[in-house]
C-alpha atoms as a PDB file:
ATOM      1  CA  UNK A   1       6.477  13.627  19.770  1.00  0.00           C
ATOM      2  CA  UNK A   2       5.084  11.606  17.040  1.00  0.00           C
ATOM      3  CA  UNK A   3       7.479   9.385  14.987  1.00  0.00           C
ATOM      4  CA  UNK A   4       8.107  11.150  11.543  1.00  0.00           C
ATOM      5  CA  UNK A   5       6.350   9.251   8.849  1.00  0.00           C
ATOM      6  CA  UNK A   6       8.627   9.507   5.635  1.00  0.00           C
ATOM      7  CA  UNK A   7       7.334   8.988   2.236  1.00  0.00           C
ATOM      8  CA  UNK A   8       8.924   6.269   0.292  1.00  0.00           C
ATOM      9  CA  UNK A   9      10.776   4.641   3.295  1.00  0.00           C
ATOM     10  CA  UNK A  10      13.353   2.307   2.587  1.00  0.00           C
ATOM     11  CA  UNK A  11      12.379  -0.144   5.399  1.00  0.00           C
ATOM     12  CA  UNK A  12       9.139  -1.849   5.068  1.00  0.00           C
ATOM     13  CA  UNK A  13       6.941  -0.894   7.806  1.00  0.00           C
ATOM     14  CA  UNK A  14       3.438  -2.077   9.146  1.00  0.00           C
ATOM     15  CA  UNK A  15       1.041   0.800   9.291  1.00  0.00           C
ATOM     16  CA  UNK A  16      -2.447   0.769  10.489  1.00  0.00           C
ATOM     17  CA  UNK A  17      -5.155   2.992   8.852  1.00  0.00           C
ATOM     18  CA  UNK A  18      -7.816   3.997  11.116  1.00  0.00           C
ATOM     19  CA  UNK A  19     -10.271   6.117   9.002  1.00  0.00           C
ATOM     20  CA  UNK A  20     -13.485   7.857   9.961  1.00  0.00           C
ATOM     21  CA  UNK A  21     -14.967  11.303  10.614  1.00  0.00           C
ATOM     22  CA  UNK A  22     -13.747  11.655  14.303  1.00  0.00           C
ATOM     23  CA  UNK A  23     -16.298  13.948  15.006  1.00  0.00           C
ATOM     24  CA  UNK A  24     -14.983  14.175  17.620  1.00  0.00           C
ATOM     25  CA  UNK A  25     -12.234  11.705  18.424  1.00  0.00           C
ATOM     26  CA  UNK A  26     -12.737  10.029  21.840  1.00  0.00           C
ATOM     27  CA  UNK A  27     -11.154   7.526  24.139  1.00  0.00           C
ATOM     28  CA  UNK A  28     -12.408   4.582  22.678  1.00  0.00           C
ATOM     29  CA  UNK A  29     -10.868   5.500  19.391  1.00  0.00           C
ATOM     30  CA  UNK A  30      -7.539   5.799  21.027  1.00  0.00           C
ATOM     31  CA  UNK A  31      -7.936   2.370  22.847  1.00  0.00           C
ATOM     32  CA  UNK A  32      -8.861   0.570  19.569  1.00  0.00           C
ATOM     33  CA  UNK A  33      -6.217   2.050  17.726  1.00  0.00           C
ATOM     34  CA  UNK A  34      -3.395   1.174  20.554  1.00  0.00           C
ATOM     35  CA  UNK A  35      -4.912  -2.294  20.870  1.00  0.00           C
ATOM     36  CA  UNK A  36      -4.827  -2.862  17.134  1.00  0.00           C
ATOM     37  CA  UNK A  37      -1.188  -1.614  17.164  1.00  0.00           C
ATOM     38  CA  UNK A  38      -0.168  -4.035  19.964  1.00  0.00           C
ATOM     39  CA  UNK A  39      -2.231  -7.044  18.739  1.00  0.00           C
ATOM     40  CA  UNK A  40      -1.309  -6.704  14.941  1.00  0.00           C
ATOM     41  CA  UNK A  41       2.381  -5.655  15.613  1.00  0.00           C
ATOM     42  CA  UNK A  42       2.034  -2.404  13.921  1.00  0.00           C
ATOM     43  CA  UNK A  43       4.833  -0.039  13.855  1.00  0.00           C
ATOM     44  CA  UNK A  44       2.402   3.155  13.765  1.00  0.00           C
ATOM     45  CA  UNK A  45      -1.225   3.860  13.208  1.00  0.00           C
ATOM     46  CA  UNK A  46      -2.484   6.666  11.120  1.00  0.00           C
ATOM     47  CA  UNK A  47      -5.653   8.588  11.942  1.00  0.00           C
ATOM     48  CA  UNK A  48      -7.211   9.509   8.635  1.00  0.00           C
ATOM     49  CA  UNK A  49     -10.039  11.898   9.044  1.00  0.00           C
ATOM     50  CA  UNK A  50     -12.629  11.950   5.901  1.00  0.00           C
ATOM     51  CA  UNK A  51     -14.052  15.187   4.549  1.00  0.00           C
ATOM     52  CA  UNK A  52     -16.494  13.272   2.182  1.00  0.00           C
ATOM     53  CA  UNK A  53     -18.227  10.455   4.168  1.00  0.00           C
ATOM     54  CA  UNK A  54     -20.184   8.424   1.854  1.00  0.00           C
ATOM     55  CA  UNK A  55     -21.176   6.072   4.606  1.00  0.00           C
ATOM     56  CA  UNK A  56     -22.668   8.464   7.244  1.00  0.00           C
ATOM     57  CA  UNK A  57     -23.936  11.906   7.753  1.00  0.00           C
ATOM     58  CA  UNK A  58     -21.752  14.820   7.378  1.00  0.00           C
ATOM     59  CA  UNK A  59     -19.369  15.977  10.070  1.00  0.00           C
ATOM     60  CA  UNK A  60     -20.810  18.495  12.483  1.00  0.00           C
ATOM     61  CA  UNK A  61     -17.539  20.300  12.679  1.00  0.00           C
ATOM     62  CA  UNK A  62     -15.020  21.343  10.018  1.00  0.00           C
ATOM     63  CA  UNK A  63     -12.022  19.387   9.111  1.00  0.00           C
ATOM     64  CA  UNK A  64      -9.702  21.932  10.707  1.00  0.00           C
ATOM     65  CA  UNK A  65     -11.519  21.415  14.186  1.00  0.00           C
ATOM     66  CA  UNK A  66     -11.378  17.567  13.676  1.00  0.00           C
ATOM     67  CA  UNK A  67      -7.661  17.517  12.746  1.00  0.00           C
ATOM     68  CA  UNK A  68      -6.633  19.859  15.636  1.00  0.00           C
ATOM     69  CA  UNK A  69      -8.655  17.564  18.001  1.00  0.00           C
ATOM     70  CA  UNK A  70      -6.894  14.426  16.524  1.00  0.00           C
ATOM     71  CA  UNK A  71      -3.473  16.003  16.781  1.00  0.00           C
ATOM     72  CA  UNK A  72      -4.179  17.051  20.506  1.00  0.00           C
ATOM     73  CA  UNK A  73      -5.568  13.553  21.293  1.00  0.00           C
ATOM     74  CA  UNK A  74      -2.408  11.699  20.029  1.00  0.00           C
ATOM     75  CA  UNK A  75       0.332  14.128  20.947  1.00  0.00           C
ATOM     76  CA  UNK A  76       1.616  11.908  23.663  1.00  0.00           C
ATOM     77  CA  UNK A  77       1.652   8.646  21.801  1.00  0.00           C
ATOM     78  CA  UNK A  78       4.797   8.389  19.537  1.00  0.00           C
ATOM     79  CA  UNK A  79       3.233   5.593  17.477  1.00  0.00           C
ATOM     80  CA  UNK A  80       0.149   7.550  16.273  1.00  0.00           C
ATOM     81  CA  UNK A  81       0.118  10.204  13.444  1.00  0.00           C
ATOM     82  CA  UNK A  82      -2.295  12.325  11.630  1.00  0.00           C
ATOM     83  CA  UNK A  83      -2.619  11.809   7.872  1.00  0.00           C
ATOM     84  CA  UNK A  84      -4.870  14.201   5.985  1.00  0.00           C
ATOM     85  CA  UNK A  85      -4.868  12.399   2.683  1.00  0.00           C
ATOM     86  CA  UNK A  86      -8.682  11.871   2.555  1.00  0.00           C
ATOM     87  CA  UNK A  87      -9.094  15.506   3.038  1.00  0.00           C
ATOM     88  CA  UNK A  88      -7.537  16.695  -0.206  1.00  0.00           C
ATOM     89  CA  UNK A  89      -9.811  18.352  -2.764  1.00  0.00           C
ATOM     90  CA  UNK A  90      -9.228  15.316  -5.065  1.00  0.00           C
ATOM     91  CA  UNK A  91      -9.993  12.785  -2.544  1.00  0.00           C
ATOM     92  CA  UNK A  92     -13.277  10.844  -3.501  1.00  0.00           C
ATOM     93  CA  UNK A  93     -14.019   9.440   0.275  1.00  0.00           C
ATOM     94  CA  UNK A  94     -14.040   5.989  -0.853  1.00  0.00           C
ATOM     95  CA  UNK A  95     -11.771   3.663   0.949  1.00  0.00           C
ATOM     96  CA  UNK A  96     -10.489   1.858  -2.113  1.00  0.00           C
ATOM     97  CA  UNK A  97      -9.378   5.234  -3.475  1.00  0.00           C
ATOM     98  CA  UNK A  98      -7.813   6.282  -0.183  1.00  0.00           C
ATOM     99  CA  UNK A  99      -5.731   3.225   0.025  1.00  0.00           C
ATOM    100  CA  UNK A 100      -4.350   3.666  -3.530  1.00  0.00           C
ATOM    101  CA  UNK A 101      -3.174   7.189  -2.408  1.00  0.00           C
ATOM    102  CA  UNK A 102      -1.603   5.739   0.841  1.00  0.00           C
ATOM    103  CA  UNK A 103       0.268   3.123  -0.887  1.00  0.00           C
ATOM    104  CA  UNK A 104       1.716   5.816  -3.282  1.00  0.00           C
ATOM    105  CA  UNK A 105       2.641   7.950  -0.267  1.00  0.00           C
ATOM    106  CA  UNK A 106       4.218   5.052   1.756  1.00  0.00           C
ATOM    107  CA  UNK A 107       5.279   2.826  -0.851  1.00  0.00           C
ATOM    108  CA  UNK A 108       7.258   0.335   1.297  1.00  0.00           C
ATOM    109  CA  UNK A 109       4.485  -0.170   3.785  1.00  0.00           C
ATOM    110  CA  UNK A 110       2.074  -2.991   4.558  1.00  0.00           C
ATOM    111  CA  UNK A 111      -1.302  -1.651   5.306  1.00  0.00           C
ATOM    112  CA  UNK A 112      -3.727  -2.757   7.876  1.00  0.00           C
ATOM    113  CA  UNK A 113      -7.278  -1.163   7.967  1.00  0.00           C
ATOM    114  CA  UNK A 114      -8.900  -0.737  11.363  1.00  0.00           C
ATOM    115  CA  UNK A 115     -12.655  -0.396  11.658  1.00  0.00           C
ATOM    116  CA  UNK A 116     -15.412  -0.627  14.221  1.00  0.00           C
ATOM    117  CA  UNK A 117     -18.034  -3.498  13.846  1.00  0.00           C
ATOM    118  CA  UNK A 118     -20.786  -0.838  13.728  1.00  0.00           C
ATOM    119  CA  UNK A 119     -19.317   0.698  10.624  1.00  0.00           C
ATOM    120  CA  UNK A 120     -18.825  -2.508   8.699  1.00  0.00           C
ATOM    121  CA  UNK A 121     -22.492  -3.707   9.508  1.00  0.00           C
ATOM    122  CA  UNK A 122     -24.109  -0.366   8.790  1.00  0.00           C
ATOM    123  CA  UNK A 123     -22.146   0.377   5.515  1.00  0.00           C
ATOM    124  CA  UNK A 124     -22.873  -0.975   2.065  1.00  0.00           C
ATOM    125  CA  UNK A 125     -19.322  -1.066   0.846  1.00  0.00           C
ATOM    126  CA  UNK A 126     -18.409  -0.440  -2.829  1.00  0.00           C
ATOM    127  CA  UNK A 127     -15.500  -2.117  -4.242  1.00  0.00           C
ATOM    128  CA  UNK A 128     -14.879  -4.074  -1.029  1.00  0.00           C
ATOM    129  CA  UNK A 129     -12.740  -6.869  -2.935  1.00  0.00           C
ATOM    130  CA  UNK A 130     -10.442  -4.043  -4.266  1.00  0.00           C
ATOM    131  CA  UNK A 131     -10.038  -2.733  -0.611  1.00  0.00           C
ATOM    132  CA  UNK A 132      -9.091  -6.147   0.893  1.00  0.00           C
ATOM    133  CA  UNK A 133      -6.692  -6.924  -2.048  1.00  0.00           C
ATOM    134  CA  UNK A 134      -4.691  -3.853  -1.280  1.00  0.00           C
ATOM    135  CA  UNK A 135      -4.337  -4.653   2.458  1.00  0.00           C
ATOM    136  CA  UNK A 136      -2.313  -7.027   4.540  1.00  0.00           C
ATOM    137  CA  UNK A 137      -5.113  -7.113   7.122  1.00  0.00           C
ATOM    138  CA  UNK A 138      -8.580  -5.707   7.629  1.00  0.00           C
ATOM    139  CA  UNK A 139      -9.256  -5.845  11.435  1.00  0.00           C
ATOM    140  CA  UNK A 140     -12.702  -5.207  13.055  1.00  0.00           C
ATOM    141  CA  UNK A 141     -13.232  -3.946  16.590  1.00  0.00           C
ATOM    142  CA  UNK A 142     -16.282  -5.147  18.477  1.00  0.00           C
ATOM    143  CA  UNK A 143     -19.001  -2.798  19.258  1.00  0.00           C
ATOM    144  CA  UNK A 144     -21.775  -2.902  21.748  1.00  0.00           C
ATOM    145  CA  UNK A 145     -24.950  -3.552  20.096  1.00  0.00           C
ATOM    146  CA  UNK A 146     -23.785  -5.387  17.002  1.00  0.00           C
ATOM    147  CA  UNK A 147     -24.979  -8.730  16.764  1.00  0.00           C
ATOM    148  CA  UNK A 148     -22.429 -11.469  16.027  1.00  0.00           C
ATOM    149  CA  UNK A 149     -24.734 -12.982  13.360  1.00  0.00           C
ATOM    150  CA  UNK A 150     -25.021  -9.519  11.408  1.00  0.00           C
ATOM    151  CA  UNK A 151     -21.217  -9.415  11.137  1.00  0.00           C
ATOM    152  CA  UNK A 152     -20.886 -13.037  10.328  1.00  0.00           C
ATOM    153  CA  UNK A 153     -23.274 -12.521   7.338  1.00  0.00           C
ATOM    154  CA  UNK A 154     -21.283  -9.868   5.901  1.00  0.00           C
ATOM    155  CA  UNK A 155     -17.947 -11.704   6.388  1.00  0.00           C
ATOM    156  CA  UNK A 156     -19.387 -14.802   4.841  1.00  0.00           C
ATOM    157  CA  UNK A 157     -19.826 -12.822   1.612  1.00  0.00           C
ATOM    158  CA  UNK A 158     -15.930 -12.139   1.446  1.00  0.00           C
ATOM    159  CA  UNK A 159     -14.213 -14.179  -1.337  1.00  0.00           C
ATOM    160  CA  UNK A 160     -12.446 -17.252  -0.080  1.00  0.00           C
ATOM    161  CA  UNK A 161      -8.909 -16.061  -1.109  1.00  0.00           C
ATOM    162  CA  UNK A 162      -9.369 -12.691   0.790  1.00  0.00           C
ATOM    163  CA  UNK A 163     -11.215 -14.027   3.826  1.00  0.00           C
ATOM    164  CA  UNK A 164      -7.834 -14.851   5.903  1.00  0.00           C
ATOM    165  CA  UNK A 165      -7.105 -11.095   5.675  1.00  0.00           C
ATOM    166  CA  UNK A 166     -10.273 -10.289   7.700  1.00  0.00           C
ATOM    167  CA  UNK A 167     -10.539 -10.742  11.510  1.00  0.00           C
ATOM    168  CA  UNK A 168     -11.999  -9.361  14.609  1.00  0.00           C
ATOM    169  CA  UNK A 169      -9.758  -8.154  17.385  1.00  0.00           C
ATOM    170  CA  UNK A 170      -9.872  -9.672  20.763  1.00  0.00           C
ATOM    171  CA  UNK A 171     -11.365  -6.699  22.539  1.00  0.00           C
ATOM    172  CA  UNK A 172     -14.262  -6.186  24.759  1.00  0.00           C
ATOM    173  CA  UNK A 173     -17.404  -4.684  23.181  1.00  0.00           C
ATOM    174  CA  UNK A 174     -17.141  -0.896  23.726  1.00  0.00           C
ATOM    175  CA  UNK A 175     -20.373   1.369  23.754  1.00  0.00           C
ATOM    176  CA  UNK A 176     -18.967   4.936  23.640  1.00  0.00           C
ATOM    177  CA  UNK A 177     -19.538   6.811  20.394  1.00  0.00           C
ATOM    178  CA  UNK A 178     -19.175  10.278  18.905  1.00  0.00           C
ATOM    179  CA  UNK A 179     -23.074  10.446  18.642  1.00  0.00           C
ATOM    180  CA  UNK A 180     -23.318  10.028  22.275  1.00  0.00           C
ATOM    181  CA  UNK A 181     -20.744  12.819  22.899  1.00  0.00           C
ATOM    182  CA  UNK A 182     -22.269  15.173  20.441  1.00  0.00           C
ATOM    183  CA  UNK A 183     -25.763  14.509  22.090  1.00  0.00           C
ATOM    184  CA  UNK A 184     -24.350  15.189  25.627  1.00  0.00           C
ATOM    185  CA  UNK A 185     -22.662  18.393  24.591  1.00  0.00           C
ATOM    186  CA  UNK A 186     -25.920  19.575  22.817  1.00  0.00           C
ATOM    187  CA  UNK A 187     -27.614  19.140  26.109  1.00  0.00           C
ATOM    188  CA  UNK A 188     -25.025  21.205  27.711  1.00  0.00           C
ATOM    189  CA  UNK A 189     -23.673  18.165  29.765  1.00  0.00           C
ATOM    190  CA  UNK A 190     -20.119  17.406  30.348  1.00  0.00           C
ATOM    191  CA  UNK A 191     -18.159  14.952  28.186  1.00  0.00           C
ATOM    192  CA  UNK A 192     -14.986  15.154  30.430  1.00  0.00           C
ATOM    193  CA  UNK A 193     -13.385  11.631  30.701  1.00  0.00           C
ATOM    194  CA  UNK A 194     -15.142  10.374  27.662  1.00  0.00           C
ATOM    195  CA  UNK A 195     -12.625  12.271  25.551  1.00  0.00           C
ATOM    196  CA  UNK A 196      -9.026  13.102  26.279  1.00  0.00           C
ATOM    197  CA  UNK A 197      -8.585  16.182  28.412  1.00  0.00           C
ATOM    198  CA  UNK A 198      -6.831  18.008  25.535  1.00  0.00           C
ATOM    199  CA  UNK A 199      -9.913  17.330  23.349  1.00  0.00           C
ATOM    200  CA  UNK A 200     -12.378  18.307  26.048  1.00  0.00           C
ATOM    201  CA  UNK A 201     -10.599  21.667  26.540  1.00  0.00           C
ATOM    202  CA  UNK A 202     -10.373  22.316  22.732  1.00  0.00           C
ATOM    203  CA  UNK A 203     -14.342  21.498  22.740  1.00  0.00           C
ATOM    204  CA  UNK A 204     -14.990  23.892  25.619  1.00  0.00           C
ATOM    205  CA  UNK A 205     -12.841  26.742  24.055  1.00  0.00           C
ATOM    206  CA  UNK A 206     -14.342  26.713  20.782  1.00  0.00           C
ATOM    207  CA  UNK A 207     -17.903  25.818  21.841  1.00  0.00           C
ATOM    208  CA  UNK A 208     -18.351  23.022  19.512  1.00  0.00           C
ATOM    209  CA  UNK A 209     -21.376  20.678  19.201  1.00  0.00           C
ATOM    210  CA  UNK A 210     -23.701  23.103  21.305  1.00  0.00           C
ATOM    211  CA  UNK A 211     -27.329  22.830  20.282  1.00  0.00           C
ATOM    212  CA  UNK A 212     -27.204  25.797  17.930  1.00  0.00           C
ATOM    213  CA  UNK A 213     -24.160  24.768  16.110  1.00  0.00           C
ATOM    214  CA  UNK A 214     -24.454  23.843  12.505  1.00  0.00           C
ATOM    215  CA  UNK A 215     -22.816  21.383  10.252  1.00  0.00           C
ATOM    216  CA  UNK A 216     -20.184  22.867   7.862  1.00  0.00           C
ATOM    217  CA  UNK A 217     -21.431  23.756   4.475  1.00  0.00           C
ATOM    218  CA  UNK A 218     -20.153  21.813   1.536  1.00  0.00           C
ATOM    219  CA  UNK A 219     -20.112  18.259   3.246  1.00  0.00           C
ATOM    220  CA  UNK A 220     -22.481  15.773   1.825  1.00  0.00           C
ATOM    221  CA  UNK A 221     -24.594  13.035   3.209  1.00  0.00           C
ATOM    222  CA  UNK A 222     -24.096   9.730   1.273  1.00  0.00           C
ATOM    223  CA  UNK A 223     -24.099   5.932   2.130  1.00  0.00           C
ATOM    224  CA  UNK A 224     -21.204   4.222   0.712  1.00  0.00           C
END
């Protein structure tokens, strides 16, 4: 059972914020989250799916399906929890605004943002200084195919007084991606063992990501 996350906790906790579309959540997501928890000394990690992704294509599946898969995937880890703050109607989809909402919700928490190197390199972030200023740490998971030079160029632009909050997790470069999983499923192939068994069963039961499935309406395609 997941640890309860109480709003306005009296004891200061260290919370990891792992945001993304999670379309679908897969084993590398879980490995990164658990590694960040241990390496950064986090008390818990929030999986925060977005409903308005400014930085990539709209999700192929509904927020309801994605949340159900996240809940199934993290059910056995008491240090993981689902937070739906970025799915609220009022949510802008921008990280800076999300962090404001999370600080209000968990007022005594120190937040660490967790992100893959592919996301930080491929995204043109707005209000990045504001994001870093509201965090204790901003940690980056290495991803296969992302050149070190590309990442270093982005990090070099971070103001000096915020640079110490940003660092790369000591992890191997991992190639697995949700895009690969969706592609395999659209081809009618198995993704068992690329995703947790509970997620694999959910995808099978609901026939998600098949070649004739459509992206949900109402979600937009932006670049942040």
